[in-house]
Amino acid sequence: MEGGGSLWLLTFLVGLSLVTHEMTMVGGADLSPSQCKEEIRLGTNACVRVEIMAGKPASPECCQRVRVSHVECICPVVSAQIASIFPVDKAIKLLQGCGRQVPRHFKCGSYNFP
């Protein structure tokens, strides 16, 4: 991944994958590939200004988008490459900034959380 846009997509994907775990375990929505693609697009647009790598908090719009999206759309795109670029501590900071806690021992794509 390269460029600023990729970093924002990465930030959104990681944060989204974690905070939605709890929601989908309750709701378990079945989404089509096109619906998942749209969720990722909307989230990327909402979180494009997130500067989590620079230590700035997520915007209210980004946090809201993170809260309404689905883990089954996000975890499949969290590759080893994404995990190597965006460390777990940054993902946790994003989640906490959006008022969420990281589920213990949660696995999402190539991420394993303590």
Protein backbone atom coordinates (compact mmCIF):
# COMPACT_ATOMS: atom_id res chain seq x y z
CA MET A 1 0.00 0.00 0.00
CA GLU A 2 1.23 3.46 -0.72
CA GLY A 3 0.02 7.03 -0.50
CA GLY A 4 -2.23 8.83 1.97
CA GLY A 5 -5.46 7.30 0.66
CA SER A 6 -4.22 3.80 1.40
CA LEU A 7 -3.36 4.75 4.96
CA TRP A 8 -6.86 6.08 5.56
CA LEU A 9 -8.40 2.94 4.10
CA LEU A 10 -6.19 0.85 6.33
CA THR A 11 -7.15 2.88 9.40
CA PHE A 12 -10.83 2.46 8.64
CA LEU A 13 -10.63 -1.25 7.91
CA VAL A 14 -8.80 -2.09 11.10
CA GLY A 15 -10.99 0.00 13.35
CA LEU A 16 -14.14 -1.14 11.68
CA SER A 17 -13.24 -4.79 11.88
CA LEU A 18 -12.83 -4.63 15.63
CA VAL A 19 -15.74 -2.52 16.76
CA THR A 20 -18.26 -4.39 14.69
CA HIS A 21 -17.42 -7.81 16.11
CA GLU A 22 -19.86 -7.47 18.99
CA MET A 23 -22.70 -6.19 16.78
CA THR A 24 -22.51 -8.97 14.23
CA MET A 25 -22.34 -11.67 16.86
CA VAL A 26 -25.76 -10.45 17.96
CA GLY A 27 -27.24 -9.51 14.58
CA GLY A 28 -25.42 -11.82 12.18
CA ALA A 29 -26.51 -9.96 9.03
CA ASP A 30 -26.04 -11.73 5.69
CA LEU A 31 -24.64 -9.16 3.29
CA SER A 32 -23.94 -9.51 -0.41
CA PRO A 33 -20.48 -8.78 -1.84
CA SER A 34 -21.81 -5.53 -3.31
CA GLN A 35 -23.21 -4.47 0.08
CA CYS A 36 -19.84 -5.17 1.71
CA LYS A 37 -18.05 -3.22 -1.00
CA GLU A 38 -20.40 -0.28 -0.38
CA GLU A 39 -19.81 -0.46 3.38
CA ILE A 40 -16.07 -0.31 2.84
CA ARG A 41 -16.46 2.62 0.41
CA LEU A 42 -18.69 4.57 2.80
CA GLY A 43 -16.37 3.91 5.71
CA THR A 44 -13.30 4.90 3.76
CA ASN A 45 -14.96 8.17 2.76
CA ALA A 46 -16.09 8.88 6.34
CA CYS A 47 -12.66 8.12 7.78
CA VAL A 48 -10.50 9.72 5.12
CA ARG A 49 -9.48 12.47 7.53
CA VAL A 50 -8.59 10.13 10.38
CA GLU A 51 -4.98 10.77 11.28
CA ILE A 52 -4.58 7.97 13.74
CA MET A 53 -0.98 7.33 12.70
CA ALA A 54 -0.21 10.92 13.71
CA GLY A 55 -2.01 10.48 17.03
CA LYS A 56 -5.14 12.44 16.12
CA PRO A 57 -8.57 11.05 17.05
CA ALA A 58 -11.16 9.76 14.59
CA SER A 59 -13.88 12.19 13.54
CA PRO A 60 -17.46 11.74 14.80
CA GLU A 61 -18.44 10.73 11.24
CA CYS A 62 -15.77 8.05 11.13
CA CYS A 63 -16.76 6.65 14.53
CA GLN A 64 -20.42 6.53 13.51
CA ARG A 65 -19.58 4.66 10.31
CA VAL A 66 -17.41 2.24 12.27
CA ARG A 67 -20.32 1.51 14.62
CA VAL A 68 -22.82 0.60 11.89
CA SER A 69 -20.63 -1.56 9.65
CA HIS A 70 -20.25 -5.36 9.71
CA VAL A 71 -17.25 -7.48 10.66
CA GLU A 72 -17.99 -10.08 7.96
CA CYS A 73 -17.27 -7.41 5.35
CA ILE A 74 -14.04 -6.19 6.91
CA CYS A 75 -12.09 -9.10 8.38
CA PRO A 76 -11.56 -10.84 5.02
CA VAL A 77 -9.62 -7.80 3.76
CA VAL A 78 -7.35 -7.49 6.81
CA SER A 79 -4.29 -9.13 5.28
CA ALA A 80 -0.86 -9.79 6.76
CA GLN A 81 0.35 -6.75 4.81
CA ILE A 82 -2.22 -4.51 6.50
CA ALA A 83 -1.38 -5.97 9.91
CA SER A 84 2.32 -5.24 9.34
CA ILE A 85 1.68 -1.61 8.35
CA PHE A 86 -0.93 -0.73 10.98
CA PRO A 87 0.08 -2.00 14.44
CA VAL A 88 -2.39 -3.35 16.99
CA ASP A 89 -1.80 -0.46 19.41
CA LYS A 90 -2.95 2.04 16.76
CA ALA A 91 -6.10 0.02 16.13
CA ILE A 92 -6.83 -0.08 19.86
CA LYS A 93 -6.34 3.68 20.09
CA LEU A 94 -8.82 4.22 17.24
CA LEU A 95 -11.38 1.99 18.94
CA GLN A 96 -11.04 3.65 22.30
CA GLY A 97 -11.33 7.05 20.62
CA CYS A 98 -14.67 5.89 19.21
CA GLY A 99 -15.86 4.78 22.66
CA ARG A 100 -15.34 1.05 22.12
CA GLN A 101 -13.34 -1.65 23.83
CA VAL A 102 -11.40 -4.33 22.01
CA PRO A 103 -12.88 -7.80 22.57
CA ARG A 104 -10.40 -10.08 24.35
CA HIS A 105 -8.67 -12.65 22.14
CA PHE A 106 -10.45 -11.35 19.06
CA LYS A 107 -9.13 -12.55 15.68
CA CYS A 108 -9.85 -10.60 12.53
CA GLY A 109 -8.02 -11.49 9.35
CA SER A 110 -4.32 -11.42 10.21
CA TYR A 111 -4.87 -9.65 13.54
CA ASN A 112 -4.86 -11.44 16.88
CA PHE A 113 -5.64 -9.20 19.83
CA PRO A 114 -4.60 -9.83 23.44
